[in-house]
C-alpha atoms as a PDB file:
ATOM      1  CA  UNK A   1      -8.768 -24.319 -47.527  1.00  0.00           C
ATOM      2  CA  UNK A   2     -10.494 -22.602 -45.137  1.00  0.00           C
ATOM      3  CA  UNK A   3     -10.272 -22.595 -41.419  1.00  0.00           C
ATOM      4  CA  UNK A   4     -14.162 -22.808 -41.384  1.00  0.00           C
ATOM      5  CA  UNK A   5     -14.479 -25.756 -43.540  1.00  0.00           C
ATOM      6  CA  UNK A   6     -13.399 -28.668 -40.245  1.00  0.00           C
ATOM      7  CA  UNK A   7     -15.802 -26.869 -37.977  1.00  0.00           C
ATOM      8  CA  UNK A   8     -19.319 -28.205 -37.561  1.00  0.00           C
ATOM      9  CA  UNK A   9     -22.446 -26.334 -37.997  1.00  0.00           C
ATOM     10  CA  UNK A  10     -23.554 -25.629 -34.831  1.00  0.00           C
ATOM     11  CA  UNK A  11     -19.989 -24.173 -34.032  1.00  0.00           C
ATOM     12  CA  UNK A  12     -20.416 -22.071 -37.159  1.00  0.00           C
ATOM     13  CA  UNK A  13     -23.862 -21.060 -36.348  1.00  0.00           C
ATOM     14  CA  UNK A  14     -22.249 -19.634 -32.672  1.00  0.00           C
ATOM     15  CA  UNK A  15     -19.687 -17.662 -34.326  1.00  0.00           C
ATOM     16  CA  UNK A  16     -22.275 -15.788 -36.760  1.00  0.00           C
ATOM     17  CA  UNK A  17     -24.149 -14.932 -33.666  1.00  0.00           C
ATOM     18  CA  UNK A  18     -21.379 -13.194 -32.157  1.00  0.00           C
ATOM     19  CA  UNK A  19     -21.147 -11.843 -34.940  1.00  0.00           C
ATOM     20  CA  UNK A  20     -24.613 -10.430 -35.535  1.00  0.00           C
ATOM     21  CA  UNK A  21     -25.456 -12.136 -38.896  1.00  0.00           C
ATOM     22  CA  UNK A  22     -27.927 -14.767 -39.955  1.00  0.00           C
ATOM     23  CA  UNK A  23     -27.948 -18.289 -39.187  1.00  0.00           C
ATOM     24  CA  UNK A  24     -29.766 -19.875 -41.682  1.00  0.00           C
ATOM     25  CA  UNK A  25     -28.305 -21.865 -45.132  1.00  0.00           C
ATOM     26  CA  UNK A  26     -26.392 -24.764 -45.450  1.00  0.00           C
ATOM     27  CA  UNK A  27     -22.610 -25.461 -44.038  1.00  0.00           C
ATOM     28  CA  UNK A  28     -21.436 -23.905 -47.638  1.00  0.00           C
ATOM     29  CA  UNK A  29     -23.092 -20.665 -47.097  1.00  0.00           C
ATOM     30  CA  UNK A  30     -22.488 -19.960 -43.302  1.00  0.00           C
ATOM     31  CA  UNK A  31     -18.607 -20.360 -44.255  1.00  0.00           C
ATOM     32  CA  UNK A  32     -19.293 -18.098 -47.197  1.00  0.00           C
ATOM     33  CA  UNK A  33     -20.874 -15.389 -44.868  1.00  0.00           C
ATOM     34  CA  UNK A  34     -18.059 -15.911 -42.186  1.00  0.00           C
ATOM     35  CA  UNK A  35     -15.271 -15.376 -44.776  1.00  0.00           C
ATOM     36  CA  UNK A  36     -16.682 -12.183 -46.039  1.00  0.00           C
ATOM     37  CA  UNK A  37     -17.350 -10.956 -42.526  1.00  0.00           C
ATOM     38  CA  UNK A  38     -13.639 -11.728 -41.665  1.00  0.00           C
ATOM     39  CA  UNK A  39     -12.042  -9.992 -44.866  1.00  0.00           C
ATOM     40  CA  UNK A  40     -14.299  -6.746 -44.006  1.00  0.00           C
ATOM     41  CA  UNK A  41     -12.736  -6.757 -40.816  1.00  0.00           C
ATOM     42  CA  UNK A  42      -9.221  -6.794 -42.219  1.00  0.00           C
ATOM     43  CA  UNK A  43     -10.188  -4.355 -44.655  1.00  0.00           C
ATOM     44  CA  UNK A  44     -11.323  -2.126 -41.827  1.00  0.00           C
ATOM     45  CA  UNK A  45      -8.464  -2.148 -39.377  1.00  0.00           C
ATOM     46  CA  UNK A  46      -5.855  -1.923 -42.288  1.00  0.00           C
ATOM     47  CA  UNK A  47      -7.847   1.916 -42.948  1.00  0.00           C
ATOM     48  CA  UNK A  48      -8.022   2.720 -39.020  1.00  0.00           C
ATOM     49  CA  UNK A  49      -4.397   2.160 -39.171  1.00  0.00           C
ATOM     50  CA  UNK A  50      -3.461   4.162 -42.484  1.00  0.00           C
ATOM     51  CA  UNK A  51      -5.724   7.105 -41.033  1.00  0.00           C
ATOM     52  CA  UNK A  52      -3.738   7.408 -37.428  1.00  0.00           C
ATOM     53  CA  UNK A  53      -0.750   7.358 -39.043  1.00  0.00           C
ATOM     54  CA  UNK A  54      -1.514  10.088 -41.098  1.00  0.00           C
ATOM     55  CA  UNK A  55      -3.075  11.894 -38.236  1.00  0.00           C
ATOM     56  CA  UNK A  56       0.416  11.695 -36.357  1.00  0.00           C
ATOM     57  CA  UNK A  57       2.816  12.754 -39.365  1.00  0.00           C
ATOM     58  CA  UNK A  58       0.539  15.490 -39.964  1.00  0.00           C
ATOM     59  CA  UNK A  59      -0.009  16.741 -36.317  1.00  0.00           C
ATOM     60  CA  UNK A  60       2.978  15.896 -34.513  1.00  0.00           C
ATOM     61  CA  UNK A  61       6.176  17.898 -35.863  1.00  0.00           C
ATOM     62  CA  UNK A  62       9.360  17.823 -34.411  1.00  0.00           C
ATOM     63  CA  UNK A  63       9.073  21.205 -32.576  1.00  0.00           C
ATOM     64  CA  UNK A  64       6.236  19.413 -31.026  1.00  0.00           C
ATOM     65  CA  UNK A  65       8.029  17.088 -29.529  1.00  0.00           C
ATOM     66  CA  UNK A  66      10.859  19.256 -28.079  1.00  0.00           C
ATOM     67  CA  UNK A  67       7.800  20.839 -26.147  1.00  0.00           C
ATOM     68  CA  UNK A  68       6.806  17.756 -24.807  1.00  0.00           C
ATOM     69  CA  UNK A  69      10.313  17.124 -23.760  1.00  0.00           C
ATOM     70  CA  UNK A  70      10.339  20.630 -21.817  1.00  0.00           C
ATOM     71  CA  UNK A  71       7.433  19.485 -19.865  1.00  0.00           C
ATOM     72  CA  UNK A  72       8.524  16.353 -18.768  1.00  0.00           C
ATOM     73  CA  UNK A  73      11.840  18.414 -17.580  1.00  0.00           C
ATOM     74  CA  UNK A  74       9.728  20.865 -15.330  1.00  0.00           C
ATOM     75  CA  UNK A  75       8.125  17.911 -13.199  1.00  0.00           C
ATOM     76  CA  UNK A  76      10.718  16.680 -10.751  1.00  0.00           C
ATOM     77  CA  UNK A  77       9.910  14.790  -8.533  1.00  0.00           C
ATOM     78  CA  UNK A  78      10.831  16.284  -4.667  1.00  0.00           C
ATOM     79  CA  UNK A  79      11.698  13.399  -2.315  1.00  0.00           C
ATOM     80  CA  UNK A  80      11.885  14.889   1.229  1.00  0.00           C
ATOM     81  CA  UNK A  81      13.695  13.308   3.845  1.00  0.00           C
ATOM     82  CA  UNK A  82      11.830  12.670   7.418  1.00  0.00           C
ATOM     83  CA  UNK A  83      13.713  14.591  10.159  1.00  0.00           C
ATOM     84  CA  UNK A  84      16.070  12.327  12.108  1.00  0.00           C
ATOM     85  CA  UNK A  85      16.723  12.975  16.072  1.00  0.00           C
ATOM     86  CA  UNK A  86      20.068  14.332  17.456  1.00  0.00           C
ATOM     87  CA  UNK A  87      21.330  11.351  19.368  1.00  0.00           C
ATOM     88  CA  UNK A  88      24.340  10.888  22.059  1.00  0.00           C
ATOM     89  CA  UNK A  89      26.750   7.763  21.321  1.00  0.00           C
ATOM     90  CA  UNK A  90      24.421   5.873  24.321  1.00  0.00           C
ATOM     91  CA  UNK A  91      21.209   6.256  23.585  1.00  0.00           C
ATOM     92  CA  UNK A  92      21.949   4.852  20.114  1.00  0.00           C
ATOM     93  CA  UNK A  93      23.747   1.977  21.423  1.00  0.00           C
ATOM     94  CA  UNK A  94      20.377   1.556  23.774  1.00  0.00           C
ATOM     95  CA  UNK A  95      18.355   1.379  20.954  1.00  0.00           C
ATOM     96  CA  UNK A  96      20.572  -1.145  19.272  1.00  0.00           C
ATOM     97  CA  UNK A  97      20.939  -3.240  22.027  1.00  0.00           C
ATOM     98  CA  UNK A  98      16.812  -2.640  22.685  1.00  0.00           C
ATOM     99  CA  UNK A  99      15.800  -3.833  18.618  1.00  0.00           C
ATOM    100  CA  UNK A 100      18.268  -7.035  19.335  1.00  0.00           C
ATOM    101  CA  UNK A 101      16.468  -8.153  22.293  1.00  0.00           C
ATOM    102  CA  UNK A 102      13.047  -7.489  20.937  1.00  0.00           C
ATOM    103  CA  UNK A 103      13.804  -9.933  18.318  1.00  0.00           C
ATOM    104  CA  UNK A 104      14.725 -12.670  20.807  1.00  0.00           C
ATOM    105  CA  UNK A 105      11.714 -11.927  23.055  1.00  0.00           C
ATOM    106  CA  UNK A 106       8.670 -14.289  22.775  1.00  0.00           C
ATOM    107  CA  UNK A 107       5.035 -13.481  21.761  1.00  0.00           C
ATOM    108  CA  UNK A 108       3.224 -13.054  24.971  1.00  0.00           C
ATOM    109  CA  UNK A 109      -0.322 -14.516  24.322  1.00  0.00           C
ATOM    110  CA  UNK A 110      -3.374 -14.049  26.053  1.00  0.00           C
ATOM    111  CA  UNK A 111      -4.642 -17.369  27.739  1.00  0.00           C
ATOM    112  CA  UNK A 112      -6.155 -19.485  25.314  1.00  0.00           C
ATOM    113  CA  UNK A 113      -6.150 -17.284  22.756  1.00  0.00           C
ATOM    114  CA  UNK A 114      -5.605 -20.258  20.314  1.00  0.00           C
ATOM    115  CA  UNK A 115      -9.615 -21.402  21.323  1.00  0.00           C
ATOM    116  CA  UNK A 116     -11.139 -17.967  20.766  1.00  0.00           C
ATOM    117  CA  UNK A 117     -10.645 -15.777  17.820  1.00  0.00           C
ATOM    118  CA  UNK A 118     -11.602 -12.429  19.773  1.00  0.00           C
ATOM    119  CA  UNK A 119      -8.794 -13.683  22.592  1.00  0.00           C
ATOM    120  CA  UNK A 120      -6.139 -13.902  20.036  1.00  0.00           C
ATOM    121  CA  UNK A 121      -6.927 -10.471  18.512  1.00  0.00           C
ATOM    122  CA  UNK A 122      -6.322  -8.844  21.935  1.00  0.00           C
ATOM    123  CA  UNK A 123      -2.948  -7.921  23.513  1.00  0.00           C
ATOM    124  CA  UNK A 124      -1.461  -9.043  26.649  1.00  0.00           C
ATOM    125  CA  UNK A 125      -3.776  -9.813  29.977  1.00  0.00           C
ATOM    126  CA  UNK A 126      -2.202 -11.085  33.227  1.00  0.00           C
ATOM    127  CA  UNK A 127      -3.974 -15.307  33.691  1.00  0.00           C
ATOM    128  CA  UNK A 128      -5.947 -15.600  36.306  1.00  0.00           C
ATOM    129  CA  UNK A 129      -7.878 -18.395  38.051  1.00  0.00           C
ATOM    130  CA  UNK A 130      -6.950 -20.912  40.675  1.00  0.00           C
ATOM    131  CA  UNK A 131      -6.360 -23.995  37.590  1.00  0.00           C
ATOM    132  CA  UNK A 132      -4.685 -21.393  35.204  1.00  0.00           C
ATOM    133  CA  UNK A 133      -2.058 -23.688  33.102  1.00  0.00           C
ATOM    134  CA  UNK A 134      -0.382 -20.593  32.021  1.00  0.00           C
ATOM    135  CA  UNK A 135       0.079 -18.935  35.838  1.00  0.00           C
ATOM    136  CA  UNK A 136       1.357 -21.881  36.869  1.00  0.00           C
ATOM    137  CA  UNK A 137       3.880 -21.892  34.090  1.00  0.00           C
ATOM    138  CA  UNK A 138       2.870 -25.770  32.666  1.00  0.00           C
ATOM    139  CA  UNK A 139       4.221 -26.639  29.737  1.00  0.00           C
ATOM    140  CA  UNK A 140       3.430 -26.232  25.713  1.00  0.00           C
ATOM    141  CA  UNK A 141       1.687 -22.671  27.465  1.00  0.00           C
ATOM    142  CA  UNK A 142       3.086 -19.293  26.161  1.00  0.00           C
ATOM    143  CA  UNK A 143       5.372 -17.478  28.667  1.00  0.00           C
ATOM    144  CA  UNK A 144       3.950 -14.441  30.757  1.00  0.00           C
ATOM    145  CA  UNK A 145       5.284 -11.273  30.620  1.00  0.00           C
ATOM    146  CA  UNK A 146       7.655 -10.916  33.580  1.00  0.00           C
ATOM    147  CA  UNK A 147      10.075  -8.704  34.876  1.00  0.00           C
ATOM    148  CA  UNK A 148      13.164 -10.221  33.123  1.00  0.00           C
ATOM    149  CA  UNK A 149      11.679  -9.512  30.086  1.00  0.00           C
ATOM    150  CA  UNK A 150      12.114  -5.905  30.363  1.00  0.00           C
ATOM    151  CA  UNK A 151      14.156  -3.474  27.912  1.00  0.00           C
ATOM    152  CA  UNK A 152      17.211  -1.255  28.795  1.00  0.00           C
ATOM    153  CA  UNK A 153      15.732   1.598  30.767  1.00  0.00           C
ATOM    154  CA  UNK A 154      17.924   4.215  28.650  1.00  0.00           C
ATOM    155  CA  UNK A 155      15.593   3.445  25.475  1.00  0.00           C
ATOM    156  CA  UNK A 156      12.242   3.210  27.422  1.00  0.00           C
ATOM    157  CA  UNK A 157       9.463   4.695  25.889  1.00  0.00           C
ATOM    158  CA  UNK A 158      11.748   6.340  22.877  1.00  0.00           C
ATOM    159  CA  UNK A 159      10.021   5.748  19.291  1.00  0.00           C
ATOM    160  CA  UNK A 160      12.209   3.129  16.901  1.00  0.00           C
ATOM    161  CA  UNK A 161      13.566   6.262  15.200  1.00  0.00           C
ATOM    162  CA  UNK A 162      15.255   7.519  18.956  1.00  0.00           C
ATOM    163  CA  UNK A 163      12.612  10.828  19.247  1.00  0.00           C
ATOM    164  CA  UNK A 164      10.778  10.880  22.565  1.00  0.00           C
ATOM    165  CA  UNK A 165       6.738  10.764  21.502  1.00  0.00           C
ATOM    166  CA  UNK A 166       4.914  14.061  22.189  1.00  0.00           C
ATOM    167  CA  UNK A 167       0.822  14.072  21.848  1.00  0.00           C
ATOM    168  CA  UNK A 168      -0.721  16.952  19.531  1.00  0.00           C
ATOM    169  CA  UNK A 169      -4.692  17.783  19.230  1.00  0.00           C
ATOM    170  CA  UNK A 170      -4.282  21.049  17.973  1.00  0.00           C
ATOM    171  CA  UNK A 171      -1.154  23.176  15.912  1.00  0.00           C
ATOM    172  CA  UNK A 172      -0.327  25.432  19.209  1.00  0.00           C
ATOM    173  CA  UNK A 173       0.988  21.979  20.932  1.00  0.00           C
ATOM    174  CA  UNK A 174       3.653  22.126  18.402  1.00  0.00           C
ATOM    175  CA  UNK A 175       5.113  25.099  19.943  1.00  0.00           C
ATOM    176  CA  UNK A 176       6.262  23.451  22.774  1.00  0.00           C
ATOM    177  CA  UNK A 177       8.292  20.596  20.854  1.00  0.00           C
ATOM    178  CA  UNK A 178      11.980  20.249  20.499  1.00  0.00           C
ATOM    179  CA  UNK A 179      12.246  19.233  16.791  1.00  0.00           C
ATOM    180  CA  UNK A 180      15.991  17.988  17.473  1.00  0.00           C
ATOM    181  CA  UNK A 181      14.741  15.183  20.155  1.00  0.00           C
ATOM    182  CA  UNK A 182      10.975  14.836  20.563  1.00  0.00           C
ATOM    183  CA  UNK A 183       8.316  14.418  17.719  1.00  0.00           C
ATOM    184  CA  UNK A 184       4.597  14.549  17.626  1.00  0.00           C
ATOM    185  CA  UNK A 185       1.959  11.998  17.688  1.00  0.00           C
ATOM    186  CA  UNK A 186      -1.548  13.566  16.637  1.00  0.00           C
ATOM    187  CA  UNK A 187      -4.587  12.611  18.832  1.00  0.00           C
ATOM    188  CA  UNK A 188      -6.798   9.827  16.777  1.00  0.00           C
ATOM    189  CA  UNK A 189      -9.772  11.789  17.619  1.00  0.00           C
ATOM    190  CA  UNK A 190      -8.507  14.826  15.253  1.00  0.00           C
ATOM    191  CA  UNK A 191     -10.177  15.866  12.462  1.00  0.00           C
ATOM    192  CA  UNK A 192      -8.954  15.721   8.868  1.00  0.00           C
ATOM    193  CA  UNK A 193      -8.988  20.085   8.667  1.00  0.00           C
ATOM    194  CA  UNK A 194      -6.892  20.191  11.817  1.00  0.00           C
ATOM    195  CA  UNK A 195      -4.408  17.615  10.963  1.00  0.00           C
ATOM    196  CA  UNK A 196      -3.396  19.172   7.969  1.00  0.00           C
ATOM    197  CA  UNK A 197      -3.228  22.193   9.828  1.00  0.00           C
ATOM    198  CA  UNK A 198      -0.814  20.622  12.413  1.00  0.00           C
ATOM    199  CA  UNK A 199       1.212  18.977   9.073  1.00  0.00           C
ATOM    200  CA  UNK A 200       1.500  22.222   7.665  1.00  0.00           C
ATOM    201  CA  UNK A 201       2.662  24.039  11.170  1.00  0.00           C
ATOM    202  CA  UNK A 202       4.725  20.790  11.383  1.00  0.00           C
ATOM    203  CA  UNK A 203       6.733  21.181   8.644  1.00  0.00           C
ATOM    204  CA  UNK A 204       7.379  25.005   8.677  1.00  0.00           C
ATOM    205  CA  UNK A 205       8.905  24.283  12.393  1.00  0.00           C
ATOM    206  CA  UNK A 206      10.841  21.134  11.167  1.00  0.00           C
ATOM    207  CA  UNK A 207       9.103  18.943  13.321  1.00  0.00           C
ATOM    208  CA  UNK A 208       8.099  15.167  12.290  1.00  0.00           C
ATOM    209  CA  UNK A 209       5.125  13.844  12.426  1.00  0.00           C
ATOM    210  CA  UNK A 210       4.826   9.624  13.664  1.00  0.00           C
ATOM    211  CA  UNK A 211       1.591   9.140  12.678  1.00  0.00           C
ATOM    212  CA  UNK A 212       1.386  11.563   9.273  1.00  0.00           C
ATOM    213  CA  UNK A 213      -1.472  10.743   6.536  1.00  0.00           C
ATOM    214  CA  UNK A 214      -0.499  10.931   3.052  1.00  0.00           C
ATOM    215  CA  UNK A 215      -4.039  11.097   1.723  1.00  0.00           C
ATOM    216  CA  UNK A 216      -4.546  14.450   3.218  1.00  0.00           C
END
């Protein structure tokens, strides 16, 4: 029994329209037309599959697969590790202590950051005003940045990796950098062409670029 017998005439006509076949005639004619079309499709798929297997058998030999394996072996993924600073034990301890303090530090929010989106996207600003609830340190207000929240002095102004940042705007600025303790940070207004030159020279000198772009 054909699967089309349980379908309505309207459903059969929709299938015929999708297949690009005529929709005129009785239900039996519509079913016959769909069965013939489905049979032709199956035969075409079988012929295409047979031709594709024949082409593979004729064109691909064992030697060809060996050549492909050789090509894959030539493509090696080279991983270049980022430069690490030479730090003393005291600096390492200070960085670890600063990281632990940072996890406990609250997020300093600007006054009325919850009311206006533009304030939520900006950084910390000292609250002002005679009636400022945050300045008066009222309850349910975010804490203010105070002296007590200061970090470890030995790790101050250091990158989380331990490097001391040096601003760079041209390739010649890399000559004054010590790759053991300092890393380069390229200015945001430097163009892509000069940035690529800085990347190339930094690789030659073994200097780490903190804000390196991979798409150049």
